[in-house]
Each structure stands twice: as structure tokens, then as C-alpha cells.
Amino acid sequence: TYKPTNEIGLYYNLSLVEDLNLPNPTEMYLNGEWTWSKFEQWSLNAKDALSPKGAGYYVLGSQPVNYAKNMVYLNGGTLINFKTNRIGFHQTPALQTYDFLTGLYEKGLFETDGNYDSGSAEWKGGQVIFHPGDFWFLNADNRWKGNDYKFGYVPFPVADDYKGEYTAP
């Protein structure tokens, strides 16, 4: 059985979160409040808090596919079913995940020109709150080393009715 790990997750610009006086995402996770509905509400509140800063500020960095490939599992789905040796990215849990992420995109939460993993100029400049990534991104010259703000980390949020558990490496 696949168990999602928190080895890959959402890094966030802690300096910006604190500046905007937003609830700390890591604390929300530790309190069991890091579900899709709470993540969406947090993100909408963050978007509102960012609006006075003007254009070029975003809640979610990168591309929706980088969220989907991790969040499908947190909705009880799979991209590849290793028991049946068949794909699973067209099954209900995956489709629900895509719908959730599409809704976030349509609400203007994703940056318009997100880069796959190294991050956009806006992310590197401290204008994006969240960006998915691996632990090693923090100290890699070709990723985020040298970003001039404090980082926070939180696993991807789980679907509201997800019953599984995270595992840690």
C-alpha cells in the first residue's frame, strides 16, 4: 500500500506569511487542520491579504501538475496501481483532485508563469507564498539557495475525508 510521505511538500515564504499576519500553515498541519477546504480558505484569505501589494504576488507557485502528482494520493487515489499494473490517474479520486486544483487555478491562486521546480522570478523574489519542492532544494545553487527570506514547510494538504496517514522518511 502506498503511503504518502512528507519528503516532498510545500515550502512557503515564512517572511511573507508573517508580514501578512496569516495563520502559520505548519501549525495548522500539526493541529490536524491541513485539509483541502481549510487550505482553500487559507489561500483565498492570503490572496486578499496580498492584493494591496499589487500585481506580481501569488499564493501558489509552480504549476498545478506538481500539486496533483502528490495530492492524488492524499485523496485515496493513485497514478499507477502497482497491484494491477494499471494506470489510476483517470479514476474518481484523481479526477476529484484535478477538479479541486482547477478550482484553485480558476480563483487566481496560481502564479501565471510558474516554473516546474526551480521557481519563477516572483518566487525567488519573495512574491509567492507556496512552492512545491524537495528537501534538497533549500541548499542547491540551481534551486533555492540564496532566496532572501525565511522558509517554512508543510506537507501537501489532505482531502477532507482522507483516512490515511503521512509517513516520514
N, C-alpha and C. Protein backbone atom coordinates (compact mmCIF):
# COMPACT_ATOMS: atom_id res chain seq x y z
N THR A 1 0.84 -1.18 0.00
CA THR A 1 0.00 0.00 0.00
C THR A 1 0.89 1.24 0.00
N TYR A 2 0.54 2.18 -0.84
CA TYR A 2 1.30 3.42 -0.91
C TYR A 2 0.91 4.31 0.26
N LYS A 3 1.89 4.86 0.93
CA LYS A 3 1.65 5.84 1.98
C LYS A 3 2.35 7.12 1.57
N PRO A 4 1.62 8.22 1.48
CA PRO A 4 2.25 9.49 1.11
C PRO A 4 3.31 9.88 2.14
N THR A 5 4.41 10.38 1.67
CA THR A 5 5.44 10.85 2.58
C THR A 5 5.40 12.37 2.63
N ASN A 6 6.06 12.91 3.60
CA ASN A 6 6.18 14.36 3.62
C ASN A 6 7.59 14.77 3.23
N GLU A 7 8.26 13.93 2.45
CA GLU A 7 9.58 14.26 1.93
C GLU A 7 9.49 15.35 0.87
N ILE A 8 8.43 15.32 0.10
CA ILE A 8 8.13 16.37 -0.87
C ILE A 8 6.91 17.10 -0.33
N GLY A 9 6.97 18.40 -0.32
CA GLY A 9 5.85 19.14 0.23
C GLY A 9 5.83 20.57 -0.25
N LEU A 10 5.17 21.39 0.50
CA LEU A 10 5.03 22.80 0.16
C LEU A 10 5.93 23.64 1.05
N TYR A 11 6.89 24.28 0.42
CA TYR A 11 7.68 25.27 1.13
C TYR A 11 6.92 26.58 1.03
N TYR A 12 7.06 27.39 2.03
CA TYR A 12 6.39 28.68 1.97
C TYR A 12 7.30 29.78 2.47
N ASN A 13 7.00 30.96 1.98
CA ASN A 13 7.75 32.16 2.33
C ASN A 13 7.24 32.59 3.70
N LEU A 14 7.92 32.14 4.74
CA LEU A 14 7.51 32.44 6.10
C LEU A 14 7.56 33.94 6.38
N SER A 15 8.53 34.62 5.79
CA SER A 15 8.62 36.07 5.99
C SER A 15 7.36 36.76 5.48
N LEU A 16 6.87 36.34 4.32
CA LEU A 16 5.66 36.94 3.75
C LEU A 16 4.43 36.56 4.56
N VAL A 17 4.34 35.31 4.99
CA VAL A 17 3.21 34.86 5.82
C VAL A 17 3.15 35.70 7.10
N GLU A 18 4.29 35.90 7.72
CA GLU A 18 4.33 36.70 8.96
C GLU A 18 3.99 38.16 8.68
N ASP A 19 4.53 38.71 7.58
CA ASP A 19 4.25 40.09 7.21
C ASP A 19 2.76 40.33 6.98
N LEU A 20 2.08 39.33 6.41
CA LEU A 20 0.64 39.44 6.12
C LEU A 20 -0.21 39.06 7.32
N ASN A 21 0.45 38.63 8.41
CA ASN A 21 -0.25 38.22 9.63
C ASN A 21 -1.25 37.08 9.37
N LEU A 22 -0.81 36.10 8.57
CA LEU A 22 -1.63 34.93 8.26
C LEU A 22 -1.33 33.80 9.23
N PRO A 23 -2.28 32.91 9.47
CA PRO A 23 -2.00 31.75 10.32
C PRO A 23 -0.85 30.93 9.73
N ASN A 24 -0.03 30.36 10.60
CA ASN A 24 1.11 29.57 10.19
C ASN A 24 0.63 28.21 9.64
N PRO A 25 0.93 27.90 8.37
CA PRO A 25 0.48 26.63 7.79
C PRO A 25 1.01 25.40 8.52
N THR A 26 2.24 25.45 9.02
CA THR A 26 2.79 24.30 9.73
C THR A 26 2.01 24.04 11.01
N GLU A 27 1.64 25.09 11.70
CA GLU A 27 0.84 24.92 12.91
C GLU A 27 -0.54 24.34 12.58
N MET A 28 -1.10 24.77 11.45
CA MET A 28 -2.39 24.22 11.03
C MET A 28 -2.25 22.72 10.77
N TYR A 29 -1.17 22.32 10.10
CA TYR A 29 -0.93 20.90 9.85
C TYR A 29 -0.79 20.14 11.16
N LEU A 30 0.02 20.66 12.07
CA LEU A 30 0.24 19.97 13.35
C LEU A 30 -1.04 19.86 14.17
N ASN A 31 -1.97 20.79 13.96
CA ASN A 31 -3.26 20.76 14.66
C ASN A 31 -4.31 19.94 13.92
N GLY A 32 -3.91 19.26 12.82
CA GLY A 32 -4.86 18.44 12.06
C GLY A 32 -5.82 19.24 11.21
N GLU A 33 -5.44 20.47 10.89
CA GLU A 33 -6.33 21.37 10.14
C GLU A 33 -5.85 21.60 8.71
N TRP A 34 -4.99 20.75 8.20
CA TRP A 34 -4.43 20.97 6.87
C TRP A 34 -5.16 20.12 5.85
N THR A 35 -6.43 20.44 5.67
CA THR A 35 -7.30 19.74 4.72
C THR A 35 -7.54 20.64 3.50
N TRP A 36 -8.08 20.04 2.46
CA TRP A 36 -8.32 20.81 1.23
C TRP A 36 -9.19 22.03 1.48
N SER A 37 -10.27 21.87 2.22
CA SER A 37 -11.18 23.01 2.42
C SER A 37 -10.49 24.12 3.23
N LYS A 38 -9.73 23.75 4.25
CA LYS A 38 -9.03 24.77 5.05
C LYS A 38 -7.88 25.39 4.25
N PHE A 39 -7.20 24.59 3.43
CA PHE A 39 -6.15 25.10 2.55
C PHE A 39 -6.73 26.10 1.55
N GLU A 40 -7.87 25.76 0.97
CA GLU A 40 -8.50 26.67 0.02
C GLU A 40 -8.89 27.97 0.70
N GLN A 41 -9.51 27.89 1.88
CA GLN A 41 -9.92 29.11 2.58
C GLN A 41 -8.70 29.93 2.98
N TRP A 42 -7.65 29.27 3.47
CA TRP A 42 -6.41 29.97 3.83
C TRP A 42 -5.86 30.69 2.60
N SER A 43 -5.84 30.00 1.48
CA SER A 43 -5.29 30.56 0.24
C SER A 43 -6.10 31.76 -0.25
N LEU A 44 -7.42 31.68 -0.15
CA LEU A 44 -8.25 32.82 -0.54
C LEU A 44 -8.02 34.01 0.38
N ASN A 45 -7.87 33.74 1.69
CA ASN A 45 -7.56 34.82 2.63
C ASN A 45 -6.19 35.43 2.31
N ALA A 46 -5.24 34.58 1.95
CA ALA A 46 -3.91 35.06 1.60
C ALA A 46 -3.96 35.91 0.34
N LYS A 47 -4.76 35.49 -0.63
CA LYS A 47 -4.90 36.28 -1.86
C LYS A 47 -5.42 37.68 -1.54
N ASP A 48 -6.43 37.73 -0.67
CA ASP A 48 -6.97 39.03 -0.27
C ASP A 48 -5.90 39.87 0.45
N ALA A 49 -5.12 39.22 1.31
CA ALA A 49 -4.08 39.94 2.05
C ALA A 49 -2.97 40.44 1.12
N LEU A 50 -2.73 39.72 0.03
CA LEU A 50 -1.70 40.12 -0.92
C LEU A 50 -2.14 41.25 -1.85
N SER A 51 -3.44 41.41 -2.03
CA SER A 51 -3.95 42.34 -3.05
C SER A 51 -3.42 43.78 -2.88
N PRO A 52 -3.25 44.31 -1.67
CA PRO A 52 -2.69 45.67 -1.57
C PRO A 52 -1.25 45.80 -2.09
N LYS A 53 -0.56 44.68 -2.20
CA LYS A 53 0.83 44.72 -2.68
C LYS A 53 0.90 44.91 -4.20
N GLY A 54 -0.23 44.69 -4.89
CA GLY A 54 -0.27 44.91 -6.33
C GLY A 54 0.01 43.67 -7.14
N ALA A 55 0.23 43.87 -8.41
CA ALA A 55 0.44 42.77 -9.35
C ALA A 55 1.75 42.05 -9.05
N GLY A 56 1.81 40.79 -9.45
CA GLY A 56 3.04 40.02 -9.32
C GLY A 56 3.19 39.26 -8.02
N TYR A 57 2.16 39.27 -7.17
CA TYR A 57 2.16 38.49 -5.93
C TYR A 57 1.15 37.37 -6.07
N TYR A 58 1.55 36.17 -5.63
CA TYR A 58 0.69 34.99 -5.80
C TYR A 58 0.73 34.12 -4.56
N VAL A 59 -0.32 33.37 -4.38
CA VAL A 59 -0.38 32.42 -3.27
C VAL A 59 0.35 31.13 -3.63
N LEU A 60 0.07 30.58 -4.81
CA LEU A 60 0.61 29.28 -5.19
C LEU A 60 1.58 29.40 -6.34
N GLY A 61 2.79 28.89 -6.14
CA GLY A 61 3.81 28.90 -7.17
C GLY A 61 3.89 27.58 -7.89
N SER A 62 4.66 27.55 -8.95
CA SER A 62 4.88 26.37 -9.78
C SER A 62 3.68 26.14 -10.68
N GLN A 63 3.38 24.88 -10.95
CA GLN A 63 2.30 24.51 -11.85
C GLN A 63 1.38 23.51 -11.17
N PRO A 64 0.10 23.53 -11.50
CA PRO A 64 -0.84 22.61 -10.84
C PRO A 64 -0.43 21.14 -10.92
N VAL A 65 0.25 20.73 -11.97
CA VAL A 65 0.65 19.33 -12.10
C VAL A 65 1.56 18.91 -10.95
N ASN A 66 2.39 19.82 -10.44
CA ASN A 66 3.28 19.48 -9.33
C ASN A 66 2.52 19.28 -8.02
N TYR A 67 1.36 19.86 -7.92
CA TYR A 67 0.49 19.62 -6.77
C TYR A 67 -0.27 18.31 -6.98
N ALA A 68 -0.79 18.12 -8.17
CA ALA A 68 -1.62 16.95 -8.46
C ALA A 68 -0.87 15.65 -8.24
N LYS A 69 0.37 15.57 -8.69
CA LYS A 69 1.09 14.30 -8.60
C LYS A 69 1.34 13.88 -7.16
N ASN A 70 1.19 14.78 -6.22
CA ASN A 70 1.30 14.45 -4.80
C ASN A 70 -0.05 14.38 -4.12
N MET A 71 -0.98 15.21 -4.53
CA MET A 71 -2.26 15.30 -3.83
C MET A 71 -3.25 14.20 -4.21
N VAL A 72 -3.08 13.58 -5.36
CA VAL A 72 -3.96 12.46 -5.73
C VAL A 72 -3.94 11.40 -4.64
N TYR A 73 -2.75 11.11 -4.12
CA TYR A 73 -2.61 10.09 -3.07
C TYR A 73 -3.28 10.51 -1.78
N LEU A 74 -3.34 11.82 -1.55
CA LEU A 74 -3.96 12.32 -0.32
C LEU A 74 -5.47 12.45 -0.45
N ASN A 75 -5.98 11.90 -1.55
CA ASN A 75 -7.42 11.76 -1.74
C ASN A 75 -7.76 10.27 -1.89
N GLY A 76 -6.82 9.41 -1.53
CA GLY A 76 -7.05 7.97 -1.61
C GLY A 76 -6.86 7.39 -3.00
N GLY A 77 -6.31 8.17 -3.92
CA GLY A 77 -6.12 7.69 -5.29
C GLY A 77 -4.69 7.28 -5.56
N THR A 78 -4.44 7.01 -6.81
CA THR A 78 -3.11 6.60 -7.25
C THR A 78 -2.93 6.99 -8.71
N LEU A 79 -1.70 7.22 -9.09
CA LEU A 79 -1.42 7.46 -10.50
C LEU A 79 -1.13 6.14 -11.20
N ILE A 80 -0.46 5.24 -10.49
CA ILE A 80 -0.20 3.89 -11.01
C ILE A 80 -0.54 2.90 -9.92
N ASN A 81 -1.38 1.93 -10.23
CA ASN A 81 -1.74 0.89 -9.29
C ASN A 81 -0.77 -0.26 -9.48
N PHE A 82 0.13 -0.44 -8.53
CA PHE A 82 1.17 -1.46 -8.66
C PHE A 82 0.63 -2.87 -8.44
N LYS A 83 -0.55 -3.00 -7.84
CA LYS A 83 -1.16 -4.33 -7.69
C LYS A 83 -1.72 -4.83 -9.01
N THR A 84 -2.34 -3.92 -9.76
CA THR A 84 -2.97 -4.33 -11.02
C THR A 84 -2.11 -3.99 -12.23
N ASN A 85 -1.02 -3.26 -12.00
CA ASN A 85 -0.16 -2.80 -13.10
C ASN A 85 -0.94 -1.99 -14.13
N ARG A 86 -1.85 -1.15 -13.63
CA ARG A 86 -2.66 -0.31 -14.50
C ARG A 86 -2.57 1.14 -14.00
N ILE A 87 -2.89 2.03 -14.89
CA ILE A 87 -2.90 3.44 -14.51
C ILE A 87 -4.11 3.74 -13.64
N GLY A 88 -3.98 4.76 -12.82
CA GLY A 88 -5.07 5.14 -11.95
C GLY A 88 -5.41 6.62 -12.04
N PHE A 89 -4.74 7.33 -12.95
CA PHE A 89 -4.93 8.78 -12.98
C PHE A 89 -6.25 9.20 -13.60
N HIS A 90 -7.07 8.25 -14.02
CA HIS A 90 -8.39 8.56 -14.57
C HIS A 90 -9.52 8.11 -13.63
N GLN A 91 -9.16 7.62 -12.45
CA GLN A 91 -10.17 7.14 -11.51
C GLN A 91 -10.69 8.30 -10.65
N THR A 92 -11.80 8.07 -10.00
CA THR A 92 -12.51 9.11 -9.27
C THR A 92 -11.63 9.93 -8.32
N PRO A 93 -10.82 9.32 -7.44
CA PRO A 93 -10.02 10.16 -6.54
C PRO A 93 -9.07 11.11 -7.29
N ALA A 94 -8.52 10.64 -8.38
CA ALA A 94 -7.63 11.51 -9.18
C ALA A 94 -8.44 12.62 -9.83
N LEU A 95 -9.57 12.30 -10.40
CA LEU A 95 -10.41 13.31 -11.05
C LEU A 95 -10.88 14.36 -10.06
N GLN A 96 -11.21 13.92 -8.85
CA GLN A 96 -11.61 14.88 -7.81
C GLN A 96 -10.46 15.83 -7.47
N THR A 97 -9.25 15.29 -7.45
CA THR A 97 -8.06 16.11 -7.17
C THR A 97 -7.86 17.15 -8.26
N TYR A 98 -7.98 16.72 -9.52
CA TYR A 98 -7.82 17.65 -10.63
C TYR A 98 -8.88 18.75 -10.56
N ASP A 99 -10.11 18.36 -10.22
CA ASP A 99 -11.18 19.35 -10.09
C ASP A 99 -10.87 20.36 -8.99
N PHE A 100 -10.36 19.88 -7.86
CA PHE A 100 -10.01 20.77 -6.75
C PHE A 100 -8.94 21.76 -7.20
N LEU A 101 -7.90 21.26 -7.84
CA LEU A 101 -6.81 22.14 -8.28
C LEU A 101 -7.26 23.09 -9.39
N THR A 102 -8.14 22.63 -10.26
CA THR A 102 -8.69 23.51 -11.30
C THR A 102 -9.44 24.67 -10.65
N GLY A 103 -10.18 24.37 -9.60
CA GLY A 103 -10.90 25.42 -8.88
C GLY A 103 -9.95 26.45 -8.28
N LEU A 104 -8.83 25.99 -7.73
CA LEU A 104 -7.84 26.93 -7.18
C LEU A 104 -7.24 27.78 -8.29
N TYR A 105 -6.99 27.16 -9.42
CA TYR A 105 -6.44 27.89 -10.57
C TYR A 105 -7.42 28.94 -11.06
N GLU A 106 -8.68 28.54 -11.19
CA GLU A 106 -9.71 29.46 -11.68
C GLU A 106 -9.96 30.62 -10.73
N LYS A 107 -9.63 30.45 -9.46
CA LYS A 107 -9.78 31.54 -8.48
C LYS A 107 -8.56 32.44 -8.45
N GLY A 108 -7.63 32.23 -9.35
CA GLY A 108 -6.47 33.10 -9.46
C GLY A 108 -5.41 32.91 -8.39
N LEU A 109 -5.33 31.71 -7.83
CA LEU A 109 -4.37 31.48 -6.76
C LEU A 109 -2.98 31.09 -7.26
N PHE A 110 -2.89 30.54 -8.47
CA PHE A 110 -1.60 30.13 -9.03
C PHE A 110 -0.94 31.29 -9.78
N GLU A 111 0.39 31.34 -9.69
CA GLU A 111 1.11 32.34 -10.47
C GLU A 111 0.93 32.03 -11.96
N THR A 112 1.00 33.04 -12.78
CA THR A 112 0.68 32.88 -14.20
C THR A 112 1.80 32.23 -14.99
N ASP A 113 3.04 32.37 -14.57
CA ASP A 113 4.17 31.81 -15.30
C ASP A 113 5.03 30.94 -14.41
N GLY A 114 4.41 30.01 -13.70
CA GLY A 114 5.16 29.19 -12.76
C GLY A 114 6.13 28.24 -13.43
N ASN A 115 7.33 28.14 -12.86
CA ASN A 115 8.33 27.20 -13.33
C ASN A 115 8.17 25.87 -12.63
N TYR A 116 8.68 24.83 -13.25
CA TYR A 116 8.49 23.47 -12.75
C TYR A 116 9.01 23.28 -11.33
N ASP A 117 10.31 23.44 -11.13
CA ASP A 117 10.82 23.17 -9.79
C ASP A 117 11.76 24.24 -9.24
N SER A 118 12.49 24.93 -10.07
CA SER A 118 13.43 25.91 -9.54
C SER A 118 12.73 27.17 -9.07
N GLY A 119 11.57 27.43 -9.59
CA GLY A 119 10.79 28.58 -9.16
C GLY A 119 10.93 29.75 -10.11
N SER A 120 9.90 30.53 -10.18
CA SER A 120 9.86 31.71 -11.04
C SER A 120 10.66 32.85 -10.41
N ALA A 121 10.82 33.90 -11.17
CA ALA A 121 11.47 35.10 -10.64
C ALA A 121 10.66 35.65 -9.46
N GLU A 122 9.35 35.54 -9.52
CA GLU A 122 8.50 36.01 -8.41
C GLU A 122 8.74 35.19 -7.14
N TRP A 123 8.86 33.87 -7.29
CA TRP A 123 9.14 33.01 -6.13
C TRP A 123 10.50 33.37 -5.53
N LYS A 124 11.49 33.48 -6.40
CA LYS A 124 12.84 33.80 -5.93
C LYS A 124 12.90 35.20 -5.32
N GLY A 125 12.03 36.09 -5.79
CA GLY A 125 11.98 37.45 -5.28
C GLY A 125 11.11 37.64 -4.06
N GLY A 126 10.52 36.55 -3.56
CA GLY A 126 9.72 36.64 -2.35
C GLY A 126 8.29 37.09 -2.55
N GLN A 127 7.76 36.95 -3.77
CA GLN A 127 6.41 37.41 -4.08
C GLN A 127 5.39 36.29 -4.19
N VAL A 128 5.80 35.06 -3.89
CA VAL A 128 4.91 33.89 -3.95
C VAL A 128 4.96 33.22 -2.58
N ILE A 129 3.82 32.80 -2.08
CA ILE A 129 3.80 32.19 -0.75
C ILE A 129 4.24 30.73 -0.79
N PHE A 130 3.58 29.88 -1.55
CA PHE A 130 3.86 28.44 -1.57
C PHE A 130 4.56 28.01 -2.85
N HIS A 131 5.43 27.01 -2.72
CA HIS A 131 6.04 26.36 -3.88
C HIS A 131 6.37 24.92 -3.50
N PRO A 132 5.95 23.95 -4.32
CA PRO A 132 6.29 22.56 -4.01
C PRO A 132 7.78 22.30 -4.23
N GLY A 133 8.33 21.41 -3.43
CA GLY A 133 9.73 21.09 -3.61
C GLY A 133 10.22 19.99 -2.68
N ASP A 134 11.43 19.53 -2.96
CA ASP A 134 12.12 18.52 -2.17
C ASP A 134 13.01 19.19 -1.14
N PHE A 135 13.39 18.43 -0.10
CA PHE A 135 14.25 18.97 0.95
C PHE A 135 15.55 19.55 0.39
N TRP A 136 16.12 18.88 -0.58
CA TRP A 136 17.43 19.30 -1.09
C TRP A 136 17.39 20.63 -1.84
N PHE A 137 16.21 21.11 -2.22
CA PHE A 137 16.10 22.38 -2.95
C PHE A 137 16.66 23.56 -2.15
N LEU A 138 16.58 23.46 -0.82
CA LEU A 138 16.96 24.58 0.04
C LEU A 138 18.44 24.96 -0.08
N ASN A 139 19.30 23.98 -0.31
CA ASN A 139 20.73 24.23 -0.32
C ASN A 139 21.37 24.06 -1.69
N ALA A 140 20.56 23.97 -2.73
CA ALA A 140 21.10 23.78 -4.07
C ALA A 140 21.18 25.12 -4.80
N ASP A 141 22.35 25.39 -5.35
CA ASP A 141 22.55 26.64 -6.08
C ASP A 141 21.59 26.79 -7.25
N ASN A 142 21.20 25.67 -7.87
CA ASN A 142 20.30 25.74 -9.02
C ASN A 142 18.83 25.66 -8.62
N ARG A 143 18.55 25.73 -7.33
CA ARG A 143 17.16 25.75 -6.86
C ARG A 143 16.95 27.01 -6.00
N TRP A 144 16.97 26.88 -4.67
CA TRP A 144 16.52 27.98 -3.83
C TRP A 144 17.59 28.56 -2.91
N LYS A 145 18.79 28.04 -2.97
CA LYS A 145 19.85 28.62 -2.15
C LYS A 145 20.03 30.08 -2.56
N GLY A 146 20.02 30.95 -1.61
CA GLY A 146 20.17 32.37 -1.91
C GLY A 146 18.85 33.12 -1.94
N ASN A 147 17.70 32.41 -1.86
CA ASN A 147 16.43 33.14 -1.73
C ASN A 147 16.49 33.93 -0.43
N ASP A 148 16.11 35.18 -0.49
CA ASP A 148 16.35 36.10 0.61
C ASP A 148 15.13 36.25 1.52
N TYR A 149 14.66 35.15 2.06
CA TYR A 149 13.57 35.17 3.03
C TYR A 149 13.58 33.87 3.82
N LYS A 150 12.84 33.85 4.92
CA LYS A 150 12.74 32.65 5.75
C LYS A 150 11.76 31.67 5.10
N PHE A 151 12.11 30.38 5.17
CA PHE A 151 11.24 29.34 4.66
C PHE A 151 10.48 28.65 5.78
N GLY A 152 9.28 28.22 5.47
CA GLY A 152 8.53 27.30 6.29
C GLY A 152 8.25 26.08 5.43
N TYR A 153 7.80 25.01 6.06
CA TYR A 153 7.50 23.77 5.33
C TYR A 153 6.23 23.15 5.89
N VAL A 154 5.44 22.61 4.99
CA VAL A 154 4.24 21.88 5.37
C VAL A 154 3.99 20.81 4.31
N PRO A 155 3.52 19.63 4.70
CA PRO A 155 3.15 18.64 3.69
C PRO A 155 1.98 19.15 2.86
N PHE A 156 1.74 18.50 1.73
CA PHE A 156 0.56 18.84 0.94
C PHE A 156 -0.68 18.58 1.78
N PRO A 157 -1.75 19.38 1.58
CA PRO A 157 -2.97 19.14 2.34
C PRO A 157 -3.67 17.86 1.88
N VAL A 158 -4.43 17.28 2.80
CA VAL A 158 -5.18 16.06 2.51
C VAL A 158 -6.63 16.41 2.17
N ALA A 159 -7.26 15.55 1.38
CA ALA A 159 -8.69 15.70 1.12
C ALA A 159 -9.43 15.66 2.44
N ASP A 160 -10.54 16.35 2.51
CA ASP A 160 -11.28 16.46 3.77
C ASP A 160 -11.66 15.11 4.37
N ASP A 161 -11.92 14.11 3.54
CA ASP A 161 -12.33 12.81 4.06
C ASP A 161 -11.24 11.74 3.95
N TYR A 162 -9.99 12.15 3.73
CA TYR A 162 -8.88 11.20 3.62
C TYR A 162 -8.63 10.54 4.97
N LYS A 163 -8.48 9.23 4.97
CA LYS A 163 -8.31 8.48 6.22
C LYS A 163 -6.92 7.90 6.40
N GLY A 164 -6.02 8.10 5.44
CA GLY A 164 -4.67 7.56 5.54
C GLY A 164 -3.79 8.39 6.44
N GLU A 165 -2.52 8.02 6.47
CA GLU A 165 -1.55 8.75 7.28
C GLU A 165 -0.35 9.10 6.43
N TYR A 166 0.32 10.18 6.80
CA TYR A 166 1.61 10.51 6.21
C TYR A 166 2.66 9.57 6.81
N THR A 167 3.72 9.35 6.08
CA THR A 167 4.89 8.70 6.65
C THR A 167 6.06 9.65 6.43
N ALA A 168 7.02 9.61 7.31
CA ALA A 168 8.18 10.49 7.20
C ALA A 168 9.41 9.66 6.84
N PRO A 169 10.27 10.17 5.97
CA PRO A 169 11.49 9.42 5.63
C PRO A 169 12.44 9.35 6.82
